[in-house]
Amino acid sequence: MSAIPYRVGALYHRRQDIHARYKGQQYGSISTPANLPYVFIFSSEAGDEFGYSDGFQTDGTYWYTGEGQVGDMQMTKGNAAILNHHHQGKALLLFEAPAKASKGSVRFAGEMAYMAHHWGQKPDRTGQLRQAVVFHLELLPETSAAPPHHRHVQENAPLYVKRPAAMENLRQQALRAAPASATVAERLIQVRNRAQAIKAYALAHAQGHCEACQQPAPFETRKGPFLEVHHVFRLADGGPDHPDKVVALCPNCHRRAHYAKDADTFNIQLQNWLATHEST
């Protein structure tokens, strides 16, 4: 695979920064520039109205709905490009259209890898049920363990003390990628293990206290203090799949991070807190 020409979390203009440089289809959710080692896929919150609902599942895989707004989808064109990207030596690059960004702007979410797919019934643009393909993708770990630069994160912040061996082991599990020769089943196991390691790492890091309000977990479970893991960056900002981007929160603070009027400001506070309490 060629070097990736985009930085995770960076904002780009789809027409100027992608198609003007590499060509490919300027409209639709999948772009396949000819004779180049890339397949570009795009996801947007607006896709929900057309039967598209993309996102992470509990097993750590990312489900991405194929292209085709009316009638049954077919495993041709862009959908076939996703299916065959690895065999054709092409990197599968995911971009998200942030809800509050200017028109035409997309954020690079990262490099994905096809793992499997299934067919299911979803409404098309006219509201009629049709057969739709849903791809199961893996978000590949970044080559650098450092979190992407974010303008809100404090510079020159003090770093966390050296991690205990058990936490460092969890961190390495969270960063580990399956070898290129791994089978789909082996890669799926690795994705699940990585997601579990990230969650375990965040909970161990919190030591039983909410990392937002600093209060003890509201109650104890059979497995320990009850806290919920939250990604302080959205996927397009380099969110999931990295231990430097998660915090453990009490249920109240977790809801605040997602639904409160000050959710954006609150997440920036959490990002800054992580910058002062977590080393790479």
C-alpha atoms as a PDB file:
ATOM      1  CA  MET A   1       0.000   0.000   0.000  1.00  0.00           C
ATOM      2  CA  SER A   2       1.141   3.567  -0.710  1.00  0.00           C
ATOM      3  CA  ALA A   3       1.690   6.209   1.930  1.00  0.00           C
ATOM      4  CA  ILE A   4      -1.551   7.869   3.022  1.00  0.00           C
ATOM      5  CA  PRO A   5      -1.645  11.493   1.768  1.00  0.00           C
ATOM      6  CA  TYR A   6      -4.049  12.719   4.467  1.00  0.00           C
ATOM      7  CA  ARG A   7      -3.733  13.309   8.201  1.00  0.00           C
ATOM      8  CA  VAL A   8      -6.257  11.764  10.576  1.00  0.00           C
ATOM      9  CA  GLY A   9      -8.520  14.458  12.007  1.00  0.00           C
ATOM     10  CA  ALA A  10      -7.618  17.105   9.425  1.00  0.00           C
ATOM     11  CA  LEU A  11     -10.364  18.930   7.558  1.00  0.00           C
ATOM     12  CA  TYR A  12     -10.301  18.879   3.741  1.00  0.00           C
ATOM     13  CA  HIS A  13     -12.437  20.245   0.935  1.00  0.00           C
ATOM     14  CA  ARG A  14     -13.700  17.258  -0.996  1.00  0.00           C
ATOM     15  CA  ARG A  15     -13.562  18.789  -4.463  1.00  0.00           C
ATOM     16  CA  GLN A  16     -10.348  20.795  -4.097  1.00  0.00           C
ATOM     17  CA  ASP A  17      -8.252  18.515  -1.902  1.00  0.00           C
ATOM     18  CA  ILE A  18      -9.392  15.100  -3.093  1.00  0.00           C
ATOM     19  CA  HIS A  19     -10.926  15.145  -6.568  1.00  0.00           C
ATOM     20  CA  ALA A  20      -8.865  17.986  -8.035  1.00  0.00           C
ATOM     21  CA  ARG A  21      -5.782  16.018  -7.014  1.00  0.00           C
ATOM     22  CA  TYR A  22      -6.832  12.418  -7.641  1.00  0.00           C
ATOM     23  CA  LYS A  23      -9.979  12.697  -9.798  1.00  0.00           C
ATOM     24  CA  GLY A  24     -12.629  10.037  -9.138  1.00  0.00           C
ATOM     25  CA  GLN A  25     -16.373  10.504  -8.772  1.00  0.00           C
ATOM     26  CA  GLN A  26     -17.145  13.878  -7.145  1.00  0.00           C
ATOM     27  CA  TYR A  27     -20.628  12.844  -6.003  1.00  0.00           C
ATOM     28  CA  GLY A  28     -21.925   9.838  -4.124  1.00  0.00           C
ATOM     29  CA  SER A  29     -20.472   7.942  -1.214  1.00  0.00           C
ATOM     30  CA  ILE A  30     -17.700   5.988  -2.970  1.00  0.00           C
ATOM     31  CA  SER A  31     -15.029   7.366  -5.277  1.00  0.00           C
ATOM     32  CA  THR A  32     -12.669   5.155  -7.293  1.00  0.00           C
ATOM     33  CA  PRO A  33     -10.008   7.210  -9.109  1.00  0.00           C
ATOM     34  CA  ALA A  34      -8.543   5.281 -12.025  1.00  0.00           C
ATOM     35  CA  ASN A  35      -4.995   3.937 -11.889  1.00  0.00           C
ATOM     36  CA  LEU A  36      -4.389   5.161  -8.350  1.00  0.00           C
ATOM     37  CA  PRO A  37      -3.934   3.095  -5.144  1.00  0.00           C
ATOM     38  CA  TYR A  38      -6.903   4.636  -3.297  1.00  0.00           C
ATOM     39  CA  VAL A  39     -10.612   4.068  -2.803  1.00  0.00           C
ATOM     40  CA  PHE A  40     -12.306   7.010  -1.093  1.00  0.00           C
ATOM     41  CA  ILE A  41     -15.461   6.396   0.931  1.00  0.00           C
ATOM     42  CA  PHE A  42     -17.587   9.113   2.498  1.00  0.00           C
ATOM     43  CA  SER A  43     -20.011   9.035   5.401  1.00  0.00           C
ATOM     44  CA  SER A  44     -22.402  11.731   6.557  1.00  0.00           C
ATOM     45  CA  GLU A  45     -25.034  12.146   9.230  1.00  0.00           C
ATOM     46  CA  ALA A  46     -27.368  13.215   6.423  1.00  0.00           C
ATOM     47  CA  GLY A  47     -27.192   9.684   5.036  1.00  0.00           C
ATOM     48  CA  ASP A  48     -29.647   8.440   7.652  1.00  0.00           C
ATOM     49  CA  GLU A  49     -32.567   9.771   5.602  1.00  0.00           C
ATOM     50  CA  PHE A  50     -31.497   7.586   2.656  1.00  0.00           C
ATOM     51  CA  GLY A  51     -31.225   4.397   4.687  1.00  0.00           C
ATOM     52  CA  TYR A  52     -27.509   4.794   5.484  1.00  0.00           C
ATOM     53  CA  SER A  53     -26.455   4.314   9.081  1.00  0.00           C
ATOM     54  CA  ASP A  54     -22.720   3.975   9.507  1.00  0.00           C
ATOM     55  CA  GLY A  55     -20.791   3.540  12.728  1.00  0.00           C
ATOM     56  CA  PHE A  56     -18.953   1.342  15.179  1.00  0.00           C
ATOM     57  CA  GLN A  57     -20.466  -1.834  16.584  1.00  0.00           C
ATOM     58  CA  THR A  58     -19.890  -3.370  19.995  1.00  0.00           C
ATOM     59  CA  ASP A  59     -17.326  -5.806  18.568  1.00  0.00           C
ATOM     60  CA  GLY A  60     -15.122  -2.929  17.375  1.00  0.00           C
ATOM     61  CA  THR A  61     -15.939  -3.237  13.665  1.00  0.00           C
ATOM     62  CA  TYR A  62     -17.223  -0.288  11.640  1.00  0.00           C
ATOM     63  CA  TRP A  63     -20.347  -0.921   9.564  1.00  0.00           C
ATOM     64  CA  TYR A  64     -20.516   1.039   6.326  1.00  0.00           C
ATOM     65  CA  THR A  65     -23.555   0.972   4.052  1.00  0.00           C
ATOM     66  CA  GLY A  66     -22.799   0.572   0.355  1.00  0.00           C
ATOM     67  CA  GLU A  67     -23.849   2.871  -2.475  1.00  0.00           C
ATOM     68  CA  GLY A  68     -27.180   2.954  -4.294  1.00  0.00           C
ATOM     69  CA  GLN A  69     -30.040   5.208  -3.174  1.00  0.00           C
ATOM     70  CA  VAL A  70     -32.935   3.572  -5.051  1.00  0.00           C
ATOM     71  CA  GLY A  71     -33.707  -0.120  -5.485  1.00  0.00           C
ATOM     72  CA  ASP A  72     -31.622  -3.114  -4.487  1.00  0.00           C
ATOM     73  CA  MET A  73     -27.915  -2.472  -4.196  1.00  0.00           C
ATOM     74  CA  GLN A  74     -25.559  -4.421  -6.419  1.00  0.00           C
ATOM     75  CA  MET A  75     -22.027  -5.675  -5.749  1.00  0.00           C
ATOM     76  CA  THR A  76     -20.658  -3.622  -8.620  1.00  0.00           C
ATOM     77  CA  LYS A  77     -18.734  -0.363  -9.139  1.00  0.00           C
ATOM     78  CA  GLY A  78     -17.991   1.312  -5.795  1.00  0.00           C
ATOM     79  CA  ASN A  79     -19.309  -1.574  -3.722  1.00  0.00           C
ATOM     80  CA  ALA A  80     -17.070  -4.001  -5.608  1.00  0.00           C
ATOM     81  CA  ALA A  81     -14.160  -1.601  -5.091  1.00  0.00           C
ATOM     82  CA  ILE A  82     -14.583  -1.902  -1.314  1.00  0.00           C
ATOM     83  CA  LEU A  83     -14.906  -5.664  -1.513  1.00  0.00           C
ATOM     84  CA  ASN A  84     -11.746  -6.031  -3.599  1.00  0.00           C
ATOM     85  CA  HIS A  85      -9.589  -3.129  -2.399  1.00  0.00           C
ATOM     86  CA  HIS A  86      -7.012  -5.300  -0.658  1.00  0.00           C
ATOM     87  CA  HIS A  87      -6.573  -7.693  -3.574  1.00  0.00           C
ATOM     88  CA  GLN A  88      -6.173  -4.720  -5.909  1.00  0.00           C
ATOM     89  CA  GLY A  89      -3.563  -3.126  -3.651  1.00  0.00           C
ATOM     90  CA  LYS A  90      -5.667  -0.071  -2.864  1.00  0.00           C
ATOM     91  CA  ALA A  91      -5.969   1.750   0.453  1.00  0.00           C
ATOM     92  CA  LEU A  92      -9.547   2.275   1.639  1.00  0.00           C
ATOM     93  CA  LEU A  93      -9.761   5.818   3.042  1.00  0.00           C
ATOM     94  CA  LEU A  94     -12.763   6.996   5.064  1.00  0.00           C
ATOM     95  CA  PHE A  95     -13.892  10.622   5.285  1.00  0.00           C
ATOM     96  CA  GLU A  96     -16.756  11.998   7.364  1.00  0.00           C
ATOM     97  CA  ALA A  97     -18.780  15.127   6.685  1.00  0.00           C
ATOM     98  CA  PRO A  98     -19.098  16.942  10.045  1.00  0.00           C
ATOM     99  CA  ALA A  99     -22.549  18.355  10.688  1.00  0.00           C
ATOM    100  CA  LYS A 100     -21.231  21.840  11.560  1.00  0.00           C
ATOM    101  CA  ALA A 101     -18.543  22.103   8.876  1.00  0.00           C
ATOM    102  CA  SER A 102     -18.846  24.262   5.764  1.00  0.00           C
ATOM    103  CA  LYS A 103     -20.379  22.707   2.660  1.00  0.00           C
ATOM    104  CA  GLY A 104     -18.016  20.357   0.878  1.00  0.00           C
ATOM    105  CA  SER A 105     -15.747  19.899   3.896  1.00  0.00           C
ATOM    106  CA  VAL A 106     -14.829  16.422   5.139  1.00  0.00           C
ATOM    107  CA  ARG A 107     -12.522  15.111   7.850  1.00  0.00           C
ATOM    108  CA  PHE A 108     -10.175  12.216   7.228  1.00  0.00           C
ATOM    109  CA  ALA A 109     -11.174   9.466   9.649  1.00  0.00           C
ATOM    110  CA  GLY A 110      -8.461   6.962   8.818  1.00  0.00           C
ATOM    111  CA  GLU A 111      -7.569   3.935   6.746  1.00  0.00           C
ATOM    112  CA  MET A 112     -10.071   1.104   6.788  1.00  0.00           C
ATOM    113  CA  ALA A 113      -9.827  -2.549   5.775  1.00  0.00           C
ATOM    114  CA  TYR A 114     -12.611  -4.782   4.455  1.00  0.00           C
ATOM    115  CA  MET A 115     -13.381  -7.764   6.675  1.00  0.00           C
ATOM    116  CA  ALA A 116     -16.827  -9.056   5.690  1.00  0.00           C
ATOM    117  CA  HIS A 117     -20.278  -7.889   4.623  1.00  0.00           C
ATOM    118  CA  HIS A 118     -23.920  -8.812   4.983  1.00  0.00           C
ATOM    119  CA  TRP A 119     -27.134  -8.012   3.147  1.00  0.00           C
ATOM    120  CA  GLY A 120     -30.176  -6.596   4.895  1.00  0.00           C
ATOM    121  CA  GLN A 121     -33.355  -4.673   4.231  1.00  0.00           C
ATOM    122  CA  LYS A 122     -33.078  -0.890   4.414  1.00  0.00           C
ATOM    123  CA  PRO A 123     -35.326   1.862   3.045  1.00  0.00           C
ATOM    124  CA  ASP A 124     -34.173   3.575  -0.126  1.00  0.00           C
ATOM    125  CA  ARG A 125     -34.559   7.246  -0.991  1.00  0.00           C
ATOM    126  CA  THR A 126     -38.246   6.737  -1.805  1.00  0.00           C
ATOM    127  CA  GLY A 127     -38.939   4.932   1.461  1.00  0.00           C
ATOM    128  CA  GLN A 128     -39.276   1.502  -0.148  1.00  0.00           C
ATOM    129  CA  LEU A 129     -37.478  -1.438   1.450  1.00  0.00           C
ATOM    130  CA  ARG A 130     -34.650  -2.868  -0.636  1.00  0.00           C
ATOM    131  CA  GLN A 131     -31.658  -5.179  -0.241  1.00  0.00           C
ATOM    132  CA  ALA A 132     -28.654  -3.191   0.959  1.00  0.00           C
ATOM    133  CA  VAL A 133     -25.084  -4.286   1.512  1.00  0.00           C
ATOM    134  CA  VAL A 134     -23.410  -3.392   4.796  1.00  0.00           C
ATOM    135  CA  PHE A 135     -19.632  -3.724   4.894  1.00  0.00           C
ATOM    136  CA  HIS A 136     -17.838  -4.704   8.092  1.00  0.00           C
ATOM    137  CA  LEU A 137     -14.630  -2.669   8.157  1.00  0.00           C
ATOM    138  CA  GLU A 138     -11.650  -2.457  10.452  1.00  0.00           C
ATOM    139  CA  LEU A 139     -10.205   0.933  11.357  1.00  0.00           C
ATOM    140  CA  LEU A 140      -6.479   0.326  11.078  1.00  0.00           C
ATOM    141  CA  PRO A 141      -4.355   1.634  13.960  1.00  0.00           C
ATOM    142  CA  GLU A 142      -2.325   4.720  13.209  1.00  0.00           C
ATOM    143  CA  THR A 143       1.345   4.080  12.552  1.00  0.00           C
ATOM    144  CA  SER A 144       2.198   6.594  15.287  1.00  0.00           C
ATOM    145  CA  ALA A 145       0.945   6.081  18.814  1.00  0.00           C
ATOM    146  CA  ALA A 146       0.702   9.849  19.298  1.00  0.00           C
ATOM    147  CA  PRO A 147      -2.829  11.296  19.160  1.00  0.00           C
ATOM    148  CA  PRO A 148      -3.491  13.737  16.306  1.00  0.00           C
ATOM    149  CA  HIS A 149      -2.783  17.390  17.019  1.00  0.00           C
ATOM    150  CA  HIS A 150      -5.880  19.278  18.073  1.00  0.00           C
ATOM    151  CA  ARG A 151      -5.899  23.036  18.373  1.00  0.00           C
ATOM    152  CA  HIS A 152      -7.687  22.973  21.729  1.00  0.00           C
ATOM    153  CA  VAL A 153      -5.204  20.700  23.477  1.00  0.00           C
ATOM    154  CA  GLN A 154      -2.772  22.510  25.725  1.00  0.00           C
ATOM    155  CA  GLU A 155       0.833  22.603  24.560  1.00  0.00           C
ATOM    156  CA  ASN A 156       3.779  21.611  26.755  1.00  0.00           C
ATOM    157  CA  ALA A 157       1.454  19.917  29.247  1.00  0.00           C
ATOM    158  CA  PRO A 158       2.924  17.718  31.978  1.00  0.00           C
ATOM    159  CA  LEU A 159       2.854  14.026  31.158  1.00  0.00           C
ATOM    160  CA  TYR A 160       1.428  11.147  33.119  1.00  0.00           C
ATOM    161  CA  VAL A 161       3.778   9.178  35.325  1.00  0.00           C
ATOM    162  CA  LYS A 162       5.202   5.892  34.056  1.00  0.00           C
ATOM    163  CA  ARG A 163       2.476   3.304  33.651  1.00  0.00           C
ATOM    164  CA  PRO A 164       2.369   0.117  35.702  1.00  0.00           C
ATOM    165  CA  ALA A 165       3.336  -2.947  33.684  1.00  0.00           C
ATOM    166  CA  ALA A 166      -0.258  -4.240  33.556  1.00  0.00           C
ATOM    167  CA  MET A 167      -1.526  -0.972  32.065  1.00  0.00           C
ATOM    168  CA  GLU A 168       1.340  -0.806  29.581  1.00  0.00           C
ATOM    169  CA  ASN A 169       0.442  -4.330  28.455  1.00  0.00           C
ATOM    170  CA  LEU A 170      -3.185  -3.264  27.883  1.00  0.00           C
ATOM    171  CA  ARG A 171      -1.993  -0.248  25.947  1.00  0.00           C
ATOM    172  CA  GLN A 172       0.153  -2.364  23.647  1.00  0.00           C
ATOM    173  CA  GLN A 173      -2.770  -4.725  23.041  1.00  0.00           C
ATOM    174  CA  ALA A 174      -4.905  -1.724  22.104  1.00  0.00           C
ATOM    175  CA  LEU A 175      -2.331  -0.569  19.543  1.00  0.00           C
ATOM    176  CA  ARG A 176      -1.618  -3.980  18.049  1.00  0.00           C
ATOM    177  CA  ALA A 177      -2.732  -4.682  14.499  1.00  0.00           C
ATOM    178  CA  ALA A 178      -3.262  -8.104  12.990  1.00  0.00           C
ATOM    179  CA  PRO A 179      -0.556  -9.181  10.516  1.00  0.00           C
ATOM    180  CA  ALA A 180      -1.302  -8.692   6.831  1.00  0.00           C
ATOM    181  CA  SER A 181      -1.412 -12.476   6.375  1.00  0.00           C
ATOM    182  CA  ALA A 182      -4.156 -12.923   8.995  1.00  0.00           C
ATOM    183  CA  THR A 183      -7.459 -14.441   7.959  1.00  0.00           C
ATOM    184  CA  VAL A 184     -10.729 -12.525   8.330  1.00  0.00           C
ATOM    185  CA  ALA A 185     -11.563 -14.545  11.439  1.00  0.00           C
ATOM    186  CA  GLU A 186      -8.166 -13.776  12.971  1.00  0.00           C
ATOM    187  CA  ARG A 187      -8.496 -10.068  12.178  1.00  0.00           C
ATOM    188  CA  LEU A 188     -11.975  -9.947  13.698  1.00  0.00           C
ATOM    189  CA  ILE A 189     -10.610 -11.508  16.882  1.00  0.00           C
ATOM    190  CA  GLN A 190      -7.839  -8.888  16.918  1.00  0.00           C
ATOM    191  CA  VAL A 191     -10.362  -6.056  16.442  1.00  0.00           C
ATOM    192  CA  ARG A 192     -12.446  -7.363  19.329  1.00  0.00           C
ATOM    193  CA  ASN A 193      -9.386  -7.795  21.534  1.00  0.00           C
ATOM    194  CA  ARG A 194      -8.224  -4.284  20.709  1.00  0.00           C
ATOM    195  CA  ALA A 195     -11.623  -2.771  21.560  1.00  0.00           C
ATOM    196  CA  GLN A 196     -11.722  -4.681  24.845  1.00  0.00           C
ATOM    197  CA  ALA A 197      -8.149  -3.642  25.686  1.00  0.00           C
ATOM    198  CA  ILE A 198      -8.952   0.031  25.080  1.00  0.00           C
ATOM    199  CA  LYS A 199     -11.962  -0.206  27.389  1.00  0.00           C
ATOM    200  CA  ALA A 200      -9.969  -2.030  30.065  1.00  0.00           C
ATOM    201  CA  TYR A 201      -7.153   0.505  29.752  1.00  0.00           C
ATOM    202  CA  ALA A 202      -9.519   3.461  30.258  1.00  0.00           C
ATOM    203  CA  LEU A 203     -11.118   1.857  33.316  1.00  0.00           C
ATOM    204  CA  ALA A 204      -7.727   1.014  34.840  1.00  0.00           C
ATOM    205  CA  HIS A 205      -6.547   4.553  34.141  1.00  0.00           C
ATOM    206  CA  ALA A 206      -9.531   6.026  36.037  1.00  0.00           C
ATOM    207  CA  GLN A 207      -8.873   4.021  39.213  1.00  0.00           C
ATOM    208  CA  GLY A 208     -12.551   4.010  40.152  1.00  0.00           C
ATOM    209  CA  HIS A 209     -13.192   7.759  39.707  1.00  0.00           C
ATOM    210  CA  CYS A 210     -14.981   9.670  36.954  1.00  0.00           C
ATOM    211  CA  GLU A 211     -12.304  11.474  34.957  1.00  0.00           C
ATOM    212  CA  ALA A 212     -14.592  14.478  34.451  1.00  0.00           C
ATOM    213  CA  CYS A 213     -16.172  15.285  37.819  1.00  0.00           C
ATOM    214  CA  GLN A 214     -13.505  13.325  39.748  1.00  0.00           C
ATOM    215  CA  GLN A 215     -16.188  11.715  41.917  1.00  0.00           C
ATOM    216  CA  PRO A 216     -16.101   7.990  42.803  1.00  0.00           C
ATOM    217  CA  ALA A 217     -18.044   5.661  40.525  1.00  0.00           C
ATOM    218  CA  PRO A 218     -21.740   5.698  41.494  1.00  0.00           C
ATOM    219  CA  PHE A 219     -21.708   2.018  42.489  1.00  0.00           C
ATOM    220  CA  GLU A 220     -19.705  -1.196  42.390  1.00  0.00           C
ATOM    221  CA  THR A 221     -20.411  -4.056  40.019  1.00  0.00           C
ATOM    222  CA  ARG A 222     -19.132  -7.621  40.291  1.00  0.00           C
ATOM    223  CA  LYS A 223     -16.257  -6.571  38.024  1.00  0.00           C
ATOM    224  CA  GLY A 224     -15.444  -3.322  39.805  1.00  0.00           C
ATOM    225  CA  PRO A 225     -16.490   0.363  39.821  1.00  0.00           C
ATOM    226  CA  PHE A 226     -19.189   1.235  37.285  1.00  0.00           C
ATOM    227  CA  LEU A 227     -17.857   3.760  34.764  1.00  0.00           C
ATOM    228  CA  GLU A 228     -18.514   4.196  31.038  1.00  0.00           C
ATOM    229  CA  VAL A 229     -15.842   4.640  28.393  1.00  0.00           C
ATOM    230  CA  HIS A 230     -16.112   7.776  26.242  1.00  0.00           C
ATOM    231  CA  HIS A 231     -14.114   8.762  23.138  1.00  0.00           C
ATOM    232  CA  VAL A 232     -13.251  12.453  23.444  1.00  0.00           C
ATOM    233  CA  PHE A 233     -12.764  12.753  19.673  1.00  0.00           C
ATOM    234  CA  ARG A 234     -15.308  11.774  17.046  1.00  0.00           C
ATOM    235  CA  LEU A 235     -14.201   9.128  14.560  1.00  0.00           C
ATOM    236  CA  ALA A 236     -13.310  11.828  12.024  1.00  0.00           C
ATOM    237  CA  ASP A 237     -11.152  13.516  14.641  1.00  0.00           C
ATOM    238  CA  GLY A 238      -9.185  10.323  15.228  1.00  0.00           C
ATOM    239  CA  GLY A 239     -11.484   9.075  17.984  1.00  0.00           C
ATOM    240  CA  PRO A 240     -11.909   5.340  18.487  1.00  0.00           C
ATOM    241  CA  ASP A 241      -9.170   2.749  18.364  1.00  0.00           C
ATOM    242  CA  HIS A 242      -6.565   4.544  20.447  1.00  0.00           C
ATOM    243  CA  PRO A 243      -6.005   4.507  24.230  1.00  0.00           C
ATOM    244  CA  ASP A 244      -4.932   8.166  24.250  1.00  0.00           C
ATOM    245  CA  LYS A 245      -8.419   9.240  23.182  1.00  0.00           C
ATOM    246  CA  VAL A 246     -10.675   7.627  25.783  1.00  0.00           C
ATOM    247  CA  VAL A 247     -11.748   8.540  29.294  1.00  0.00           C
ATOM    248  CA  ALA A 248     -13.869   6.748  31.884  1.00  0.00           C
ATOM    249  CA  LEU A 249     -16.915   8.733  32.979  1.00  0.00           C
ATOM    250  CA  CYS A 250     -19.815   8.349  35.365  1.00  0.00           C
ATOM    251  CA  PRO A 251     -23.163   7.945  33.559  1.00  0.00           C
ATOM    252  CA  ASN A 252     -24.151  11.570  34.233  1.00  0.00           C
ATOM    253  CA  CYS A 253     -20.951  13.034  32.758  1.00  0.00           C
ATOM    254  CA  HIS A 254     -21.126  10.589  29.845  1.00  0.00           C
ATOM    255  CA  ARG A 255     -24.614  11.840  28.936  1.00  0.00           C
ATOM    256  CA  ARG A 256     -23.384  15.405  29.262  1.00  0.00           C
ATOM    257  CA  ALA A 257     -20.566  14.694  26.809  1.00  0.00           C
ATOM    258  CA  HIS A 258     -23.117  13.567  24.209  1.00  0.00           C
ATOM    259  CA  TYR A 259     -26.320  15.511  24.796  1.00  0.00           C
ATOM    260  CA  ALA A 260     -25.732  18.676  26.824  1.00  0.00           C
ATOM    261  CA  LYS A 261     -25.881  22.145  25.294  1.00  0.00           C
ATOM    262  CA  ASP A 262     -22.240  22.564  26.269  1.00  0.00           C
ATOM    263  CA  ALA A 263     -21.211  19.131  24.954  1.00  0.00           C
ATOM    264  CA  ASP A 264     -18.622  20.581  22.551  1.00  0.00           C
ATOM    265  CA  THR A 265     -17.009  22.689  25.264  1.00  0.00           C
ATOM    266  CA  PHE A 266     -17.155  19.782  27.708  1.00  0.00           C
ATOM    267  CA  ASN A 267     -15.384  17.466  25.273  1.00  0.00           C
ATOM    268  CA  ILE A 268     -12.668  20.073  24.724  1.00  0.00           C
ATOM    269  CA  GLN A 269     -12.165  20.143  28.507  1.00  0.00           C
ATOM    270  CA  LEU A 270     -11.826  16.354  28.467  1.00  0.00           C
ATOM    271  CA  GLN A 271      -9.321  16.554  25.604  1.00  0.00           C
ATOM    272  CA  ASN A 272      -7.235  19.044  27.568  1.00  0.00           C
ATOM    273  CA  TRP A 273      -7.466  16.867  30.682  1.00  0.00           C
ATOM    274  CA  LEU A 274      -6.165  13.889  28.711  1.00  0.00           C
ATOM    275  CA  ALA A 275      -3.286  16.000  27.390  1.00  0.00           C
ATOM    276  CA  THR A 276      -2.142  16.609  30.959  1.00  0.00           C
ATOM    277  CA  HIS A 277      -2.696  13.067  32.271  1.00  0.00           C
ATOM    278  CA  GLU A 278      -1.676  10.722  29.464  1.00  0.00           C
ATOM    279  CA  SER A 279       1.691  10.252  27.783  1.00  0.00           C
ATOM    280  CA  THR A 280       2.324   8.523  24.480  1.00  0.00           C
END
